[in-house]
């Protein structure tokens, strides 16, 4: 099976409304059983989006991603021998998508699990069956001052390959064949014309079958319920600067928007 990038997580002040957003706008599905008062989950049949309620001291927004590994013991051995400063932490039993959590050398958090773990359950694909749909998550992007170092780290511990990239592309792409981790260069100089966004989780990418059809559907959803309306990134000079930055840094970013919790989404046609 190999390593699978199986979820992304968002922290939200209005997690139930964000849960409705991804169902209404992208057609993602909620599992038949979930604990609606502790978190909410939707998925595309392969990747789950966990939307966690915000607690004191936790910033809202895109928070972390998670992987399912083939052999957790081998993962932990690699972590301990090559990256001893990156400590694993077992998670409580009420987090069935995260057997354990650790971090990369920059401090970016990610969960890892193995199917056999006692505190690991299958909540995205309804007993592992999965499904296919036209709209699905394609990538999770991190901005870092050290993209090459992090690429080496993730290739080592996850056992996933670097995807092809052109010579003038500064990003690094680590893929499981369906879902891609994108490592993007961070520089404070990129934010001269806008508010500065710190290094760390940056955005998610979602493929749609037809961009014009998608935009029409978004307008219909917003008209029916303004609380589910996304924010368009390119609003005003600062928004245009952010759009240009995303468009320059991500080759598959045809349309930029945010969910109703300000998490940036790069929407595109065709596989990344």
Protein backbone atom coordinates (compact mmCIF):
# COMPACT_ATOMS: atom_id res chain seq x y z
CA UNK A 1 0.00 0.00 0.00
CA UNK A 2 2.76 2.45 0.94
CA UNK A 3 2.32 5.82 2.63
CA UNK A 4 -0.93 7.67 2.02
CA UNK A 5 -1.49 11.36 2.74
CA UNK A 6 -4.97 10.86 4.11
CA UNK A 7 -6.14 14.04 5.81
CA UNK A 8 -5.76 17.75 6.39
CA UNK A 9 -6.98 19.54 9.49
CA UNK A 10 -8.47 22.98 10.07
CA UNK A 11 -9.08 24.76 13.38
CA UNK A 12 -12.22 26.86 13.27
CA UNK A 13 -14.25 29.25 15.40
CA UNK A 14 -17.30 28.03 13.45
CA UNK A 15 -16.46 24.43 12.68
CA UNK A 16 -20.04 23.31 12.02
CA UNK A 17 -20.51 26.03 9.39
CA UNK A 18 -17.16 25.18 7.78
CA UNK A 19 -18.33 21.55 7.68
CA UNK A 20 -21.39 22.66 5.71
CA UNK A 21 -19.22 24.78 3.38
CA UNK A 22 -17.16 21.88 2.04
CA UNK A 23 -20.27 19.78 1.48
CA UNK A 24 -22.19 22.56 -0.28
CA UNK A 25 -19.37 24.02 -2.38
CA UNK A 26 -17.27 20.95 -3.23
CA UNK A 27 -19.70 18.09 -2.74
CA UNK A 28 -17.54 16.40 -0.12
CA UNK A 29 -19.28 13.81 2.00
CA UNK A 30 -19.55 13.41 5.75
CA UNK A 31 -19.10 9.91 7.24
CA UNK A 32 -22.29 8.28 8.49
CA UNK A 33 -21.01 8.31 12.08
CA UNK A 34 -19.01 11.13 13.65
CA UNK A 35 -18.87 13.05 16.90
CA UNK A 36 -20.42 16.33 15.82
CA UNK A 37 -19.81 18.04 19.16
CA UNK A 38 -16.05 17.48 19.22
CA UNK A 39 -15.10 17.89 15.55
CA UNK A 40 -16.54 17.53 12.07
CA UNK A 41 -15.18 15.60 9.10
CA UNK A 42 -15.82 15.57 5.37
CA UNK A 43 -13.93 13.81 2.62
CA UNK A 44 -13.54 13.12 -1.09
CA UNK A 45 -13.20 9.35 -0.71
CA UNK A 46 -9.42 9.51 -0.33
CA UNK A 47 -8.55 12.61 1.70
CA UNK A 48 -10.48 13.70 4.77
CA UNK A 49 -10.80 17.27 6.00
CA UNK A 50 -11.02 17.42 9.79
CA UNK A 51 -12.53 20.62 11.12
CA UNK A 52 -11.72 21.04 14.79
CA UNK A 53 -13.31 23.58 17.14
CA UNK A 54 -10.93 26.29 18.27
CA UNK A 55 -9.74 26.20 21.86
CA UNK A 56 -7.87 28.92 23.77
CA UNK A 57 -4.28 29.41 22.59
CA UNK A 58 -4.88 27.64 19.25
CA UNK A 59 -4.86 29.86 16.17
CA UNK A 60 -7.66 29.38 13.67
CA UNK A 61 -6.94 28.27 10.13
CA UNK A 62 -5.13 25.50 8.29
CA UNK A 63 -3.39 23.50 11.00
CA UNK A 64 -1.76 20.22 9.95
CA UNK A 65 -1.94 17.18 7.70
CA UNK A 66 -1.85 13.45 8.35
CA UNK A 67 -0.50 10.31 6.77
CA UNK A 68 -1.15 6.60 7.03
CA UNK A 69 2.11 4.63 6.95
CA UNK A 70 2.62 0.99 6.15
CA UNK A 71 4.90 0.28 9.12
CA UNK A 72 4.76 2.62 12.12
CA UNK A 73 7.74 0.95 13.81
CA UNK A 74 9.94 1.57 10.76
CA UNK A 75 8.69 5.17 10.62
CA UNK A 76 9.60 5.69 14.29
CA UNK A 77 13.02 4.11 13.81
CA UNK A 78 13.82 6.48 10.94
CA UNK A 79 12.59 9.43 12.99
CA UNK A 80 14.69 8.47 16.02
CA UNK A 81 17.88 7.66 14.13
CA UNK A 82 17.94 10.54 11.64
CA UNK A 83 15.79 13.25 13.24
CA UNK A 84 15.95 12.74 17.03
CA UNK A 85 14.67 16.27 17.74
CA UNK A 86 11.34 15.39 16.09
CA UNK A 87 9.57 13.57 18.90
CA UNK A 88 6.43 11.41 18.43
CA UNK A 89 3.43 11.85 20.69
CA UNK A 90 0.61 9.33 21.08
CA UNK A 91 -2.80 10.90 20.65
CA UNK A 92 -5.96 10.32 22.75
CA UNK A 93 -8.46 7.66 21.70
CA UNK A 94 -11.00 10.30 20.61
CA UNK A 95 -8.80 11.08 17.59
CA UNK A 96 -9.30 8.04 15.35
CA UNK A 97 -7.53 9.67 12.39
CA UNK A 98 -4.30 10.33 14.31
CA UNK A 99 -2.59 7.42 16.02
CA UNK A 100 0.42 9.64 16.78
CA UNK A 101 1.64 13.13 16.02
CA UNK A 102 5.10 14.52 15.35
CA UNK A 103 6.65 17.47 13.52
CA UNK A 104 9.21 18.27 10.87
CA UNK A 105 12.49 20.15 11.57
CA UNK A 106 10.67 23.48 11.10
CA UNK A 107 8.02 22.58 13.67
CA UNK A 108 5.18 21.88 11.22
CA UNK A 109 2.83 19.35 12.80
CA UNK A 110 1.64 16.18 11.08
CA UNK A 111 -0.19 13.08 12.25
CA UNK A 112 0.77 9.54 11.38
CA UNK A 113 -1.08 6.30 11.85
CA UNK A 114 -0.97 2.67 10.88
CA UNK A 115 -4.15 0.76 10.09
CA UNK A 116 -3.45 -1.68 12.95
CA UNK A 117 -3.06 1.00 15.64
CA UNK A 118 -5.48 0.61 18.54
CA UNK A 119 -6.56 4.26 18.51
CA UNK A 120 -6.88 4.45 14.76
CA UNK A 121 -10.21 4.19 12.95
CA UNK A 122 -11.36 4.50 9.34
CA UNK A 123 -13.62 7.53 9.16
CA UNK A 124 -13.00 8.91 5.67
CA UNK A 125 -13.79 6.03 3.38
CA UNK A 126 -16.62 4.19 5.15
CA UNK A 127 -14.75 1.06 6.24
CA UNK A 128 -11.99 1.63 3.72
CA UNK A 129 -14.15 1.31 0.60
CA UNK A 130 -13.65 4.87 -0.61
CA UNK A 131 -15.36 6.51 -3.56
CA UNK A 132 -14.48 8.66 -6.54
CA UNK A 133 -15.80 12.12 -7.28
CA UNK A 134 -15.05 14.92 -9.73
CA UNK A 135 -13.93 17.35 -7.01
CA UNK A 136 -11.11 16.24 -4.76
CA UNK A 137 -8.16 17.49 -2.72
CA UNK A 138 -4.87 17.38 -4.65
CA UNK A 139 -2.32 19.10 -2.45
CA UNK A 140 -1.40 20.55 0.93
CA UNK A 141 1.10 23.42 0.80
CA UNK A 142 3.62 24.57 3.39
CA UNK A 143 5.77 27.69 3.17
CA UNK A 144 9.21 27.26 4.67
CA UNK A 145 12.57 29.00 4.71
CA UNK A 146 14.18 25.60 4.06
CA UNK A 147 12.20 23.75 1.35
CA UNK A 148 15.11 21.56 0.24
CA UNK A 149 15.83 20.41 3.83
CA UNK A 150 12.17 19.64 4.46
CA UNK A 151 11.90 17.77 1.17
CA UNK A 152 14.75 15.52 2.29
CA UNK A 153 13.05 15.00 5.66
CA UNK A 154 9.67 14.04 4.24
CA UNK A 155 11.16 11.75 1.60
CA UNK A 156 13.15 10.01 4.34
CA UNK A 157 10.43 9.50 6.92
CA UNK A 158 7.46 8.96 4.60
CA UNK A 159 9.26 6.94 1.97
CA UNK A 160 7.59 8.97 -0.78
CA UNK A 161 9.30 10.24 -3.94
CA UNK A 162 9.83 13.74 -5.20
CA UNK A 163 7.57 14.49 -8.14
CA UNK A 164 8.99 15.96 -11.33
CA UNK A 165 9.50 19.71 -11.41
CA UNK A 166 10.97 22.11 -13.91
CA UNK A 167 14.36 23.72 -13.40
CA UNK A 168 12.89 27.16 -12.68
CA UNK A 169 10.29 25.89 -10.19
CA UNK A 170 11.43 26.65 -6.61
CA UNK A 171 8.86 24.30 -5.04
CA UNK A 172 9.36 20.71 -3.97
CA UNK A 173 6.57 18.17 -4.54
CA UNK A 174 6.29 14.95 -2.55
CA UNK A 175 3.49 12.71 -3.72
CA UNK A 176 1.75 9.45 -2.88
CA UNK A 177 0.46 9.29 -6.45
CA UNK A 178 -2.83 11.02 -5.67
CA UNK A 179 -2.16 13.59 -2.95
CA UNK A 180 0.87 15.92 -2.97
CA UNK A 181 2.73 17.77 -0.23
CA UNK A 182 4.01 21.06 -1.70
CA UNK A 183 6.98 22.76 -0.02
CA UNK A 184 7.20 26.42 -1.01
CA UNK A 185 9.95 28.94 -0.35
CA UNK A 186 9.07 31.61 2.24
CA UNK A 187 10.62 35.06 2.06
CA UNK A 188 9.49 38.16 3.89
CA UNK A 189 10.23 40.13 0.71
CA UNK A 190 7.21 38.47 -0.93
CA UNK A 191 4.89 40.40 1.39
CA UNK A 192 5.91 43.99 0.64
CA UNK A 193 2.44 44.78 -0.77
CA UNK A 194 0.31 42.81 1.69
CA UNK A 195 0.00 41.61 5.27
CA UNK A 196 2.80 39.22 6.19
CA UNK A 197 1.83 35.55 6.40
CA UNK A 198 4.14 33.50 8.61
CA UNK A 199 5.87 30.33 7.42
CA UNK A 200 3.85 27.17 7.94
CA UNK A 201 0.62 25.72 6.55
CA UNK A 202 -0.38 27.90 3.60
CA UNK A 203 -3.24 26.50 1.53
CA UNK A 204 -4.92 23.42 0.13
CA UNK A 205 -5.52 22.61 -3.54
CA UNK A 206 -8.75 21.17 -4.90
CA UNK A 207 -9.43 19.97 -8.43
CA UNK A 208 -12.82 20.62 -10.02
CA UNK A 209 -14.23 19.17 -13.22
CA UNK A 210 -15.02 22.55 -14.83
CA UNK A 211 -13.96 25.90 -13.41
CA UNK A 212 -16.79 27.91 -14.98
CA UNK A 213 -19.36 25.40 -13.71
CA UNK A 214 -17.73 25.51 -10.27
CA UNK A 215 -17.89 29.32 -10.07
CA UNK A 216 -21.54 29.27 -11.09
CA UNK A 217 -22.22 26.71 -8.37
CA UNK A 218 -20.42 28.83 -5.76
CA UNK A 219 -22.61 31.81 -6.68
CA UNK A 220 -25.70 29.64 -6.32
CA UNK A 221 -24.63 28.40 -2.89
CA UNK A 222 -23.82 31.93 -1.72
CA UNK A 223 -27.17 33.17 -2.96
CA UNK A 224 -29.00 30.47 -1.04
CA UNK A 225 -26.98 30.93 2.16
CA UNK A 226 -24.57 33.89 2.48
CA UNK A 227 -22.93 32.21 5.49
CA UNK A 228 -21.52 29.62 3.09
CA UNK A 229 -20.09 32.18 0.66
CA UNK A 230 -16.31 31.96 0.16
CA UNK A 231 -14.04 34.97 0.09
CA UNK A 232 -12.39 35.72 -3.22
CA UNK A 233 -8.68 36.28 -2.65
CA UNK A 234 -8.17 39.02 -5.26
CA UNK A 235 -10.14 41.76 -3.49
CA UNK A 236 -8.37 45.13 -3.33
CA UNK A 237 -4.63 45.79 -3.76
CA UNK A 238 -3.53 43.44 -0.95
CA UNK A 239 -5.77 40.66 -2.22
CA UNK A 240 -4.39 41.08 -5.72
CA UNK A 241 -0.86 40.89 -4.33
CA UNK A 242 -1.73 37.61 -2.57
CA UNK A 243 -3.35 36.24 -5.75
CA UNK A 244 -0.23 37.10 -7.75
CA UNK A 245 2.00 35.44 -5.14
CA UNK A 246 -0.07 32.25 -5.17
CA UNK A 247 -0.24 32.23 -8.95
CA UNK A 248 3.51 32.67 -9.23
CA UNK A 249 4.37 30.06 -6.63
CA UNK A 250 1.82 27.35 -7.47
CA UNK A 251 1.67 26.26 -11.12
CA UNK A 252 -1.79 24.71 -10.68
CA UNK A 253 -3.56 27.67 -9.12
CA UNK A 254 -6.12 28.88 -11.64
CA UNK A 255 -8.53 30.39 -9.11
CA UNK A 256 -7.89 31.42 -5.51
CA UNK A 257 -10.55 31.68 -2.83
CA UNK A 258 -10.92 30.96 0.86
CA UNK A 259 -13.45 28.90 2.73
CA UNK A 260 -15.75 30.59 5.23
CA UNK A 261 -12.98 30.27 7.83
CA UNK A 262 -10.35 32.16 5.75
CA UNK A 263 -8.43 29.01 4.76
CA UNK A 264 -6.99 29.63 1.29
CA UNK A 265 -7.94 27.16 -1.45
CA UNK A 266 -6.29 27.02 -4.86
CA UNK A 267 -8.86 25.63 -7.30
CA UNK A 268 -7.82 24.15 -10.62
CA UNK A 269 -8.92 21.94 -13.48
CA UNK A 270 -6.90 18.83 -14.23
CA UNK A 271 -4.62 16.82 -11.98
CA UNK A 272 -1.61 18.49 -10.35
